[in-house]
Amino acid sequence: MASARCAYCNATLTPNSAYCLECGQQIPQASAVSAAAAAGVSAAAPASARASAPPSGGVPLPRSLPWQGSRAPEPEVAPVVTAAPRAIESVELALPTGQRLRVTGKVVLGRQPSDTARTMGARPVPVTDDSRSVSRVHLFLEVADGKVTVADAGSANGSRLQRGSTVYQLESGGSPAQAAPGDVVWLGDLSVSILA
């Protein structure tokens, strides 16, 4: 018994296949094959004859379906050019008391940061805290090289950096973390907002 061949690409079909493995076209059912035989298209006809006379049953020719046709080339999209982020030269700190300070360079925040700030050549920013959750020297903040960094100074109650709804714990006495305007730093139970 001769093996069946695809009516579209003349590939050998596997038994009981619904689709040709070569061209992906649906294989006509037995009734369509018998109707094609009655119309005079033999199984031994050349591939060109079979491709030009598809079997009945409404099976479309290869590459005739809408998604198989050639597409017009898509227009090129101009690349989006974003401005380079502006280097930060200074930031404003909004303290829990409502006071606002414009700072640049090195800053030391805490209940009594003056002595440490003096030895570091930094600006002291005292934070009033009656509950004493803020340490005497609690947080280092630096505005340099166009960015803002914060680091816990080994405080007793820890420091956190909040960006949106996400809060990051700063390592006690650890390496600085990068901050940005809009962030909030928590010194114990009190927060200081970093503003542009």
N, C-alpha and C. Protein backbone atom coordinates (compact mmCIF):
# COMPACT_ATOMS: atom_id res chain seq x y z
N MET A 1 0.85 -1.18 0.00
CA MET A 1 0.00 0.00 0.00
C MET A 1 0.89 1.24 0.00
N ALA A 2 0.62 2.14 -0.90
CA ALA A 2 1.42 3.36 -1.02
C ALA A 2 1.10 4.30 0.14
N SER A 3 2.13 5.00 0.64
CA SER A 3 1.89 5.94 1.74
C SER A 3 1.20 7.19 1.21
N ALA A 4 0.39 7.81 2.09
CA ALA A 4 -0.36 9.01 1.70
C ALA A 4 0.58 10.19 1.60
N ARG A 5 0.25 11.13 0.71
CA ARG A 5 1.07 12.31 0.50
C ARG A 5 0.21 13.55 0.73
N CYS A 6 0.86 14.63 1.20
CA CYS A 6 0.16 15.90 1.44
C CYS A 6 -0.25 16.50 0.10
N ALA A 7 -1.49 16.99 0.01
CA ALA A 7 -2.01 17.58 -1.23
C ALA A 7 -1.37 18.94 -1.51
N TYR A 8 -0.66 19.53 -0.53
CA TYR A 8 -0.12 20.86 -0.70
C TYR A 8 1.39 20.86 -0.95
N CYS A 9 2.13 20.04 -0.18
CA CYS A 9 3.58 20.06 -0.32
C CYS A 9 4.17 18.72 -0.76
N ASN A 10 3.33 17.73 -0.95
CA ASN A 10 3.73 16.40 -1.42
C ASN A 10 4.60 15.66 -0.41
N ALA A 11 4.57 16.05 0.86
CA ALA A 11 5.34 15.35 1.89
C ALA A 11 4.63 14.06 2.26
N THR A 12 5.38 13.08 2.73
CA THR A 12 4.80 11.82 3.18
C THR A 12 4.10 12.06 4.50
N LEU A 13 2.86 11.60 4.59
CA LEU A 13 2.05 11.80 5.79
C LEU A 13 2.18 10.62 6.73
N THR A 14 2.15 10.87 8.01
CA THR A 14 2.11 9.78 8.98
C THR A 14 0.68 9.29 9.08
N PRO A 15 0.48 8.01 9.34
CA PRO A 15 -0.88 7.46 9.39
C PRO A 15 -1.73 8.17 10.45
N ASN A 16 -2.99 8.39 10.10
CA ASN A 16 -4.00 9.00 10.98
C ASN A 16 -3.65 10.41 11.43
N SER A 17 -2.83 11.13 10.66
CA SER A 17 -2.49 12.51 11.01
C SER A 17 -3.60 13.44 10.59
N ALA A 18 -3.84 14.46 11.39
CA ALA A 18 -4.82 15.48 11.04
C ALA A 18 -4.16 16.64 10.29
N TYR A 19 -2.84 16.82 10.48
CA TYR A 19 -2.12 17.93 9.85
C TYR A 19 -0.82 17.41 9.27
N CYS A 20 -0.36 18.05 8.22
CA CYS A 20 0.91 17.71 7.60
C CYS A 20 2.03 18.24 8.49
N LEU A 21 3.02 17.41 8.75
CA LEU A 21 4.13 17.83 9.61
C LEU A 21 5.07 18.79 8.90
N GLU A 22 5.05 18.84 7.58
CA GLU A 22 5.94 19.71 6.81
C GLU A 22 5.37 21.11 6.66
N CYS A 23 4.12 21.21 6.16
CA CYS A 23 3.57 22.54 5.86
C CYS A 23 2.50 22.96 6.86
N GLY A 24 2.06 22.04 7.72
CA GLY A 24 1.10 22.40 8.76
C GLY A 24 -0.35 22.49 8.29
N GLN A 25 -0.62 22.15 7.03
CA GLN A 25 -1.99 22.22 6.52
C GLN A 25 -2.81 21.05 7.04
N GLN A 26 -4.11 21.29 7.18
CA GLN A 26 -5.01 20.23 7.61
C GLN A 26 -5.15 19.22 6.48
N ILE A 27 -5.08 17.94 6.85
CA ILE A 27 -5.20 16.88 5.85
C ILE A 27 -6.67 16.64 5.59
N PRO A 28 -7.09 16.61 4.32
CA PRO A 28 -8.50 16.37 3.98
C PRO A 28 -8.97 15.03 4.51
N GLN A 29 -10.21 14.98 4.96
CA GLN A 29 -10.79 13.75 5.46
C GLN A 29 -11.06 12.79 4.30
N ALA A 30 -11.44 11.57 4.61
CA ALA A 30 -11.64 10.54 3.59
C ALA A 30 -12.68 10.95 2.56
N SER A 31 -13.76 11.63 3.01
CA SER A 31 -14.79 12.03 2.06
C SER A 31 -14.24 13.05 1.07
N ALA A 32 -13.35 13.94 1.54
CA ALA A 32 -12.76 14.93 0.65
C ALA A 32 -11.82 14.28 -0.33
N VAL A 33 -11.07 13.24 0.13
CA VAL A 33 -10.15 12.54 -0.75
C VAL A 33 -10.91 11.81 -1.83
N SER A 34 -12.04 11.16 -1.45
CA SER A 34 -12.83 10.44 -2.45
C SER A 34 -13.46 11.40 -3.45
N ALA A 35 -13.87 12.59 -2.98
CA ALA A 35 -14.43 13.58 -3.89
C ALA A 35 -13.36 14.08 -4.85
N ALA A 36 -12.12 14.21 -4.35
CA ALA A 36 -11.03 14.64 -5.22
C ALA A 36 -10.74 13.57 -6.25
N ALA A 37 -10.81 12.31 -5.85
CA ALA A 37 -10.58 11.22 -6.79
C ALA A 37 -11.67 11.21 -7.86
N ALA A 38 -12.91 11.47 -7.45
CA ALA A 38 -14.01 11.52 -8.43
C ALA A 38 -13.83 12.69 -9.39
N ALA A 39 -13.19 13.76 -8.94
CA ALA A 39 -12.98 14.92 -9.81
C ALA A 39 -11.82 14.70 -10.76
N GLY A 40 -11.11 13.58 -10.61
CA GLY A 40 -10.05 13.27 -11.56
C GLY A 40 -8.66 13.62 -11.07
N VAL A 41 -8.49 14.02 -9.81
CA VAL A 41 -7.16 14.30 -9.28
C VAL A 41 -6.67 13.01 -8.63
N SER A 42 -5.66 12.39 -9.22
CA SER A 42 -5.17 11.12 -8.70
C SER A 42 -4.09 11.36 -7.66
N ALA A 43 -3.84 10.32 -6.87
CA ALA A 43 -2.81 10.43 -5.85
C ALA A 43 -1.43 10.53 -6.47
N ALA A 44 -1.29 10.05 -7.71
CA ALA A 44 0.01 10.08 -8.36
C ALA A 44 0.23 11.34 -9.18
N ALA A 45 -0.72 12.28 -9.16
CA ALA A 45 -0.58 13.51 -9.94
C ALA A 45 0.58 14.32 -9.40
N PRO A 46 1.24 15.08 -10.24
CA PRO A 46 2.36 15.89 -9.77
C PRO A 46 1.93 16.89 -8.71
N ALA A 47 2.88 17.30 -7.89
CA ALA A 47 2.58 18.23 -6.80
C ALA A 47 2.01 19.52 -7.32
N SER A 48 2.49 19.99 -8.48
CA SER A 48 1.99 21.25 -9.01
C SER A 48 0.51 21.15 -9.36
N ALA A 49 0.08 20.00 -9.87
CA ALA A 49 -1.33 19.82 -10.21
C ALA A 49 -2.17 19.78 -8.96
N ARG A 50 -1.66 19.09 -7.92
CA ARG A 50 -2.45 19.01 -6.69
C ARG A 50 -2.51 20.36 -6.00
N ALA A 51 -1.43 21.14 -6.04
CA ALA A 51 -1.45 22.44 -5.38
C ALA A 51 -2.40 23.39 -6.08
N SER A 52 -2.52 23.26 -7.39
CA SER A 52 -3.42 24.17 -8.10
C SER A 52 -4.87 23.72 -8.01
N ALA A 53 -5.11 22.47 -7.69
CA ALA A 53 -6.48 21.98 -7.56
C ALA A 53 -6.65 21.37 -6.19
N PRO A 54 -6.93 22.18 -5.16
CA PRO A 54 -7.05 21.64 -3.81
C PRO A 54 -8.27 20.75 -3.69
N PRO A 55 -8.23 19.78 -2.79
CA PRO A 55 -9.38 18.92 -2.60
C PRO A 55 -10.56 19.72 -2.08
N SER A 56 -11.74 19.19 -2.33
CA SER A 56 -12.94 19.89 -1.86
C SER A 56 -12.99 19.83 -0.35
N GLY A 57 -13.82 20.61 0.23
CA GLY A 57 -13.93 20.65 1.68
C GLY A 57 -13.51 21.99 2.22
N GLY A 58 -13.11 22.93 1.39
CA GLY A 58 -12.81 24.29 1.83
C GLY A 58 -11.49 24.44 2.54
N VAL A 59 -10.52 23.55 2.32
CA VAL A 59 -9.22 23.67 2.96
C VAL A 59 -8.42 24.73 2.20
N PRO A 60 -7.92 25.75 2.86
CA PRO A 60 -7.21 26.82 2.16
C PRO A 60 -5.84 26.37 1.69
N LEU A 61 -5.36 27.03 0.67
CA LEU A 61 -4.03 26.76 0.15
C LEU A 61 -2.98 27.28 1.12
N PRO A 62 -1.77 26.71 1.04
CA PRO A 62 -0.71 27.21 1.92
C PRO A 62 -0.47 28.70 1.69
N ARG A 63 -0.15 29.41 2.76
CA ARG A 63 0.15 30.84 2.75
C ARG A 63 -1.03 31.70 2.30
N SER A 64 -2.26 31.13 2.32
CA SER A 64 -3.41 31.92 1.89
C SER A 64 -4.22 32.44 3.06
N LEU A 65 -3.89 32.01 4.28
CA LEU A 65 -4.62 32.50 5.44
C LEU A 65 -4.14 33.91 5.79
N PRO A 66 -4.99 34.73 6.39
CA PRO A 66 -4.63 36.13 6.62
C PRO A 66 -3.33 36.30 7.41
N TRP A 67 -3.08 35.47 8.40
CA TRP A 67 -1.89 35.65 9.22
C TRP A 67 -0.64 35.07 8.56
N GLN A 68 -0.81 34.34 7.42
CA GLN A 68 0.34 33.77 6.74
C GLN A 68 0.84 34.66 5.61
N GLY A 69 0.07 35.67 5.25
CA GLY A 69 0.46 36.54 4.14
C GLY A 69 1.65 37.40 4.53
N SER A 70 2.24 38.01 3.54
CA SER A 70 3.39 38.86 3.83
C SER A 70 2.90 40.15 4.48
N ARG A 71 3.61 40.57 5.50
CA ARG A 71 3.23 41.78 6.24
C ARG A 71 4.07 42.94 5.77
N ALA A 72 3.44 44.10 5.84
CA ALA A 72 4.20 45.31 5.54
C ALA A 72 5.20 45.52 6.68
N PRO A 73 6.38 45.95 6.38
CA PRO A 73 7.35 46.16 7.47
C PRO A 73 6.84 47.19 8.45
N GLU A 74 7.06 46.88 9.72
CA GLU A 74 6.61 47.80 10.76
C GLU A 74 7.50 49.03 10.77
N PRO A 75 6.90 50.19 10.99
CA PRO A 75 7.72 51.40 11.00
C PRO A 75 8.69 51.37 12.17
N GLU A 76 9.86 51.94 11.95
CA GLU A 76 10.86 52.00 13.02
C GLU A 76 10.42 53.00 14.07
N VAL A 77 10.60 52.62 15.30
CA VAL A 77 10.25 53.50 16.41
C VAL A 77 11.51 54.23 16.85
N ALA A 78 11.40 55.52 16.94
CA ALA A 78 12.55 56.31 17.38
C ALA A 78 12.87 55.96 18.82
N PRO A 79 14.13 55.77 19.16
CA PRO A 79 14.47 55.45 20.55
C PRO A 79 14.12 56.60 21.47
N VAL A 80 13.65 56.22 22.65
CA VAL A 80 13.29 57.23 23.64
C VAL A 80 14.57 57.72 24.30
N VAL A 81 14.78 59.01 24.23
CA VAL A 81 15.99 59.60 24.82
C VAL A 81 15.56 60.28 26.11
N THR A 82 16.05 59.77 27.21
CA THR A 82 15.74 60.38 28.49
C THR A 82 16.93 61.21 28.93
N ALA A 83 16.63 62.29 29.57
CA ALA A 83 17.70 63.16 30.05
C ALA A 83 18.46 62.44 31.16
N ALA A 84 19.74 62.64 31.20
CA ALA A 84 20.54 62.05 32.26
C ALA A 84 20.07 62.60 33.59
N PRO A 85 20.02 61.75 34.63
CA PRO A 85 19.58 62.25 35.92
C PRO A 85 20.46 63.41 36.39
N ARG A 86 19.80 64.40 36.92
CA ARG A 86 20.52 65.59 37.37
C ARG A 86 21.31 65.25 38.64
N ALA A 87 22.55 65.65 38.66
CA ALA A 87 23.38 65.39 39.84
C ALA A 87 22.83 66.20 41.02
N ILE A 88 22.78 65.55 42.16
CA ILE A 88 22.25 66.19 43.36
C ILE A 88 23.37 66.96 44.04
N GLU A 89 23.16 68.25 44.23
CA GLU A 89 24.18 69.08 44.89
C GLU A 89 23.84 69.33 46.35
N SER A 90 22.54 69.35 46.68
CA SER A 90 22.12 69.54 48.06
C SER A 90 20.72 68.97 48.21
N VAL A 91 20.34 68.68 49.44
CA VAL A 91 18.99 68.20 49.73
C VAL A 91 18.45 68.98 50.93
N GLU A 92 17.15 68.92 51.08
CA GLU A 92 16.51 69.56 52.22
C GLU A 92 16.02 68.46 53.16
N LEU A 93 16.32 68.60 54.43
CA LEU A 93 15.87 67.64 55.43
C LEU A 93 14.69 68.22 56.18
N ALA A 94 13.58 67.44 56.20
CA ALA A 94 12.40 67.85 56.98
C ALA A 94 12.43 67.07 58.28
N LEU A 95 12.74 67.78 59.39
CA LEU A 95 12.89 67.15 60.70
C LEU A 95 11.52 66.91 61.34
N PRO A 96 11.45 66.04 62.35
CA PRO A 96 10.17 65.75 63.01
C PRO A 96 9.52 66.98 63.65
N THR A 97 10.31 67.98 63.98
CA THR A 97 9.76 69.21 64.59
C THR A 97 9.11 70.12 63.55
N GLY A 98 9.27 69.79 62.24
CA GLY A 98 8.76 70.65 61.18
C GLY A 98 9.82 71.56 60.61
N GLN A 99 10.96 71.62 61.28
CA GLN A 99 12.06 72.45 60.80
C GLN A 99 12.63 71.84 59.52
N ARG A 100 13.06 72.71 58.60
CA ARG A 100 13.67 72.26 57.35
C ARG A 100 15.06 72.86 57.21
N LEU A 101 16.02 72.01 56.83
CA LEU A 101 17.40 72.45 56.67
C LEU A 101 17.91 72.03 55.30
N ARG A 102 18.55 72.95 54.59
CA ARG A 102 19.21 72.64 53.33
C ARG A 102 20.64 72.22 53.67
N VAL A 103 21.04 71.00 53.25
CA VAL A 103 22.36 70.49 53.61
C VAL A 103 23.11 70.03 52.37
N THR A 104 24.43 70.03 52.49
CA THR A 104 25.32 69.50 51.48
C THR A 104 26.55 68.95 52.20
N GLY A 105 27.30 68.07 51.54
CA GLY A 105 28.48 67.50 52.18
C GLY A 105 28.10 66.48 53.24
N LYS A 106 28.94 66.39 54.30
CA LYS A 106 28.72 65.40 55.37
C LYS A 106 27.84 65.99 56.46
N VAL A 107 26.92 65.15 56.96
CA VAL A 107 25.98 65.56 58.00
C VAL A 107 25.91 64.44 59.04
N VAL A 108 25.85 64.81 60.30
CA VAL A 108 25.67 63.84 61.39
C VAL A 108 24.36 64.18 62.09
N LEU A 109 23.45 63.18 62.17
CA LEU A 109 22.16 63.39 62.84
C LEU A 109 22.12 62.59 64.12
N GLY A 110 21.53 63.18 65.16
CA GLY A 110 21.38 62.51 66.45
C GLY A 110 20.94 63.50 67.51
N ARG A 111 20.81 63.01 68.75
CA ARG A 111 20.39 63.91 69.83
C ARG A 111 21.50 64.90 70.19
N GLN A 112 22.76 64.45 70.16
CA GLN A 112 23.89 65.33 70.46
C GLN A 112 25.05 65.02 69.50
N PRO A 113 24.92 65.44 68.24
CA PRO A 113 25.92 65.05 67.24
C PRO A 113 27.11 65.99 67.12
N SER A 114 27.15 67.08 67.90
CA SER A 114 28.14 68.14 67.67
C SER A 114 29.59 67.67 67.76
N ASP A 115 29.95 66.94 68.81
CA ASP A 115 31.35 66.54 68.99
C ASP A 115 31.82 65.63 67.85
N THR A 116 31.00 64.65 67.50
CA THR A 116 31.37 63.72 66.41
C THR A 116 31.46 64.47 65.09
N ALA A 117 30.50 65.36 64.85
CA ALA A 117 30.49 66.12 63.60
C ALA A 117 31.75 66.99 63.50
N ARG A 118 32.16 67.58 64.61
CA ARG A 118 33.34 68.43 64.60
C ARG A 118 34.59 67.63 64.23
N THR A 119 34.74 66.43 64.80
CA THR A 119 35.93 65.62 64.49
C THR A 119 35.91 65.10 63.05
N MET A 120 34.73 64.97 62.47
CA MET A 120 34.62 64.48 61.10
C MET A 120 34.64 65.60 60.07
N GLY A 121 34.55 66.84 60.53
CA GLY A 121 34.44 67.95 59.61
C GLY A 121 33.07 67.96 58.93
N ALA A 122 32.05 67.56 59.69
CA ALA A 122 30.69 67.45 59.15
C ALA A 122 29.78 68.45 59.84
N ARG A 123 28.58 68.60 59.31
CA ARG A 123 27.59 69.50 59.89
C ARG A 123 26.73 68.71 60.87
N PRO A 124 26.59 69.18 62.11
CA PRO A 124 25.71 68.50 63.06
C PRO A 124 24.25 68.91 62.83
N VAL A 125 23.35 67.93 62.88
CA VAL A 125 21.91 68.22 62.80
C VAL A 125 21.27 67.55 64.01
N PRO A 126 21.00 68.34 65.08
CA PRO A 126 20.39 67.76 66.27
C PRO A 126 18.92 67.40 66.00
N VAL A 127 18.53 66.23 66.51
CA VAL A 127 17.14 65.76 66.37
C VAL A 127 16.57 65.66 67.78
N THR A 128 15.56 66.49 68.06
CA THR A 128 14.93 66.48 69.38
C THR A 128 14.07 65.23 69.52
N ASP A 129 14.31 64.49 70.64
CA ASP A 129 13.56 63.26 70.86
C ASP A 129 13.39 63.03 72.35
N ASP A 130 12.19 63.29 72.85
CA ASP A 130 11.91 63.10 74.28
C ASP A 130 11.84 61.62 74.65
N SER A 131 11.50 60.75 73.70
CA SER A 131 11.38 59.32 74.00
C SER A 131 12.75 58.63 74.02
N ARG A 132 13.78 59.33 73.57
CA ARG A 132 15.16 58.84 73.54
C ARG A 132 15.33 57.58 72.69
N SER A 133 14.53 57.46 71.59
CA SER A 133 14.75 56.36 70.65
C SER A 133 15.87 56.71 69.67
N VAL A 134 16.23 58.01 69.63
CA VAL A 134 17.32 58.47 68.78
C VAL A 134 18.59 58.50 69.62
N SER A 135 19.66 57.93 69.09
CA SER A 135 20.94 57.90 69.80
C SER A 135 21.61 59.27 69.73
N ARG A 136 22.63 59.47 70.59
CA ARG A 136 23.36 60.74 70.58
C ARG A 136 23.96 60.99 69.19
N VAL A 137 24.56 59.97 68.60
CA VAL A 137 25.03 60.02 67.20
C VAL A 137 24.35 58.86 66.51
N HIS A 138 23.38 59.16 65.66
CA HIS A 138 22.51 58.10 65.14
C HIS A 138 22.75 57.77 63.66
N LEU A 139 22.91 58.80 62.81
CA LEU A 139 22.95 58.55 61.36
C LEU A 139 23.93 59.50 60.69
N PHE A 140 24.66 58.97 59.72
CA PHE A 140 25.51 59.79 58.85
C PHE A 140 24.81 59.94 57.51
N LEU A 141 24.78 61.16 57.01
CA LEU A 141 24.21 61.44 55.69
C LEU A 141 25.26 62.23 54.93
N GLU A 142 25.41 61.91 53.63
CA GLU A 142 26.39 62.65 52.83
C GLU A 142 25.83 62.93 51.45
N VAL A 143 25.99 64.18 51.02
CA VAL A 143 25.65 64.59 49.66
C VAL A 143 26.96 64.89 48.97
N ALA A 144 27.38 63.98 48.07
CA ALA A 144 28.66 64.14 47.38
C ALA A 144 28.62 63.37 46.07
N ASP A 145 29.38 63.82 45.10
CA ASP A 145 29.47 63.16 43.79
C ASP A 145 28.11 63.00 43.13
N GLY A 146 27.21 63.94 43.38
CA GLY A 146 25.90 63.93 42.73
C GLY A 146 24.91 62.95 43.29
N LYS A 147 25.19 62.37 44.46
CA LYS A 147 24.26 61.42 45.06
C LYS A 147 24.19 61.60 46.57
N VAL A 148 23.18 60.95 47.16
CA VAL A 148 22.96 61.03 48.61
C VAL A 148 23.15 59.63 49.18
N THR A 149 23.93 59.53 50.26
CA THR A 149 24.09 58.25 50.94
C THR A 149 23.78 58.42 52.41
N VAL A 150 23.27 57.34 53.02
CA VAL A 150 22.97 57.34 54.45
C VAL A 150 23.57 56.08 55.05
N ALA A 151 24.01 56.19 56.32
CA ALA A 151 24.58 55.03 57.01
C ALA A 151 24.26 55.15 58.50
N ASP A 152 23.91 54.03 59.09
CA ASP A 152 23.68 54.00 60.53
C ASP A 152 25.01 54.17 61.24
N ALA A 153 25.02 54.93 62.33
CA ALA A 153 26.26 55.23 63.05
C ALA A 153 26.47 54.28 64.23
N GLY A 154 25.86 53.09 64.18
CA GLY A 154 25.97 52.16 65.30
C GLY A 154 24.97 52.51 66.39
N SER A 155 23.81 53.00 66.01
CA SER A 155 22.79 53.46 66.96
C SER A 155 22.18 52.29 67.73
N ALA A 156 21.60 52.61 68.89
CA ALA A 156 21.00 51.58 69.73
C ALA A 156 19.70 51.05 69.13
N ASN A 157 18.89 51.90 68.53
CA ASN A 157 17.57 51.47 68.03
C ASN A 157 17.52 51.31 66.51
N GLY A 158 18.64 51.46 65.85
CA GLY A 158 18.71 51.19 64.42
C GLY A 158 18.17 52.30 63.54
N SER A 159 18.50 52.20 62.26
CA SER A 159 18.06 53.16 61.26
C SER A 159 17.45 52.39 60.10
N ARG A 160 16.47 53.02 59.45
CA ARG A 160 15.82 52.40 58.30
C ARG A 160 15.68 53.43 57.19
N LEU A 161 15.70 52.96 55.95
CA LEU A 161 15.48 53.80 54.78
C LEU A 161 14.17 53.37 54.15
N GLN A 162 13.25 54.31 54.01
CA GLN A 162 11.94 54.00 53.43
C GLN A 162 11.82 54.66 52.07
N ARG A 163 11.49 53.85 51.06
CA ARG A 163 11.26 54.34 49.70
C ARG A 163 9.87 53.86 49.30
N GLY A 164 8.92 54.79 49.22
CA GLY A 164 7.53 54.39 48.96
C GLY A 164 7.02 53.60 50.13
N SER A 165 6.51 52.39 49.85
CA SER A 165 6.00 51.55 50.94
C SER A 165 7.03 50.51 51.38
N THR A 166 8.21 50.53 50.78
CA THR A 166 9.24 49.55 51.13
C THR A 166 10.23 50.16 52.11
N VAL A 167 10.51 49.39 53.18
CA VAL A 167 11.43 49.87 54.22
C VAL A 167 12.64 48.94 54.26
N TYR A 168 13.85 49.53 54.19
CA TYR A 168 15.10 48.78 54.23
C TYR A 168 15.80 49.05 55.55
N GLN A 169 16.20 47.99 56.24
CA GLN A 169 16.95 48.13 57.49
C GLN A 169 18.40 48.43 57.14
N LEU A 170 18.96 49.48 57.72
CA LEU A 170 20.37 49.81 57.51
C LEU A 170 21.20 49.02 58.52
N GLU A 171 22.30 48.49 58.04
CA GLU A 171 23.17 47.70 58.91
C GLU A 171 23.79 48.61 59.96
N SER A 172 23.76 48.17 61.22
CA SER A 172 24.29 48.97 62.31
C SER A 172 25.79 49.18 62.12
N GLY A 173 26.18 50.45 61.97
CA GLY A 173 27.58 50.77 61.76
C GLY A 173 28.11 50.25 60.43
N GLY A 174 27.20 49.97 59.49
CA GLY A 174 27.59 49.35 58.23
C GLY A 174 27.88 50.34 57.12
N SER A 175 27.99 49.80 55.93
CA SER A 175 28.33 50.61 54.77
C SER A 175 27.14 51.48 54.35
N PRO A 176 27.41 52.60 53.69
CA PRO A 176 26.34 53.52 53.31
C PRO A 176 25.41 52.92 52.25
N ALA A 177 24.15 53.35 52.31
CA ALA A 177 23.14 52.97 51.30
C ALA A 177 22.76 54.23 50.54
N GLN A 178 22.50 54.07 49.25
CA GLN A 178 22.15 55.24 48.44
C GLN A 178 20.70 55.62 48.69
N ALA A 179 20.47 56.89 48.89
CA ALA A 179 19.13 57.44 49.10
C ALA A 179 18.84 58.42 47.98
N ALA A 180 17.62 58.93 47.96
CA ALA A 180 17.22 59.88 46.91
C ALA A 180 16.16 60.80 47.47
N PRO A 181 16.00 61.97 46.86
CA PRO A 181 14.91 62.85 47.30
C PRO A 181 13.58 62.11 47.20
N GLY A 182 12.77 62.26 48.24
CA GLY A 182 11.51 61.53 48.33
C GLY A 182 11.59 60.39 49.32
N ASP A 183 12.81 59.97 49.67
CA ASP A 183 12.98 58.90 50.67
C ASP A 183 12.80 59.46 52.07
N VAL A 184 12.59 58.54 53.00
CA VAL A 184 12.47 58.90 54.41
C VAL A 184 13.45 58.03 55.18
N VAL A 185 14.22 58.63 56.09
CA VAL A 185 15.08 57.85 56.97
C VAL A 185 14.46 57.86 58.36
N TRP A 186 14.47 56.67 58.97
CA TRP A 186 13.92 56.52 60.32
C TRP A 186 15.07 56.39 61.30
N LEU A 187 15.07 57.27 62.29
CA LEU A 187 16.05 57.23 63.37
C LEU A 187 15.28 56.77 64.59
N GLY A 188 15.39 55.49 64.92
CA GLY A 188 14.56 54.95 66.00
C GLY A 188 13.09 55.09 65.61
N ASP A 189 12.32 55.86 66.40
CA ASP A 189 10.89 56.04 66.12
C ASP A 189 10.58 57.30 65.36
N LEU A 190 11.57 58.12 65.06
CA LEU A 190 11.34 59.40 64.38
C LEU A 190 11.82 59.34 62.93
N SER A 191 11.13 60.09 62.09
CA SER A 191 11.47 60.09 60.66
C SER A 191 11.97 61.45 60.23
N VAL A 192 12.90 61.41 59.27
CA VAL A 192 13.42 62.62 58.63
C VAL A 192 13.25 62.41 57.13
N SER A 193 12.55 63.35 56.48
CA SER A 193 12.30 63.23 55.05
C SER A 193 13.43 63.92 54.29
N ILE A 194 13.84 63.29 53.20
CA ILE A 194 14.85 63.86 52.30
C ILE A 194 14.11 64.46 51.12
N LEU A 195 14.24 65.77 50.94
CA LEU A 195 13.51 66.46 49.88
C LEU A 195 14.52 67.08 48.90
N ALA A 196 14.04 67.31 47.68
CA ALA A 196 14.91 67.89 46.64
C ALA A 196 15.17 69.36 46.94
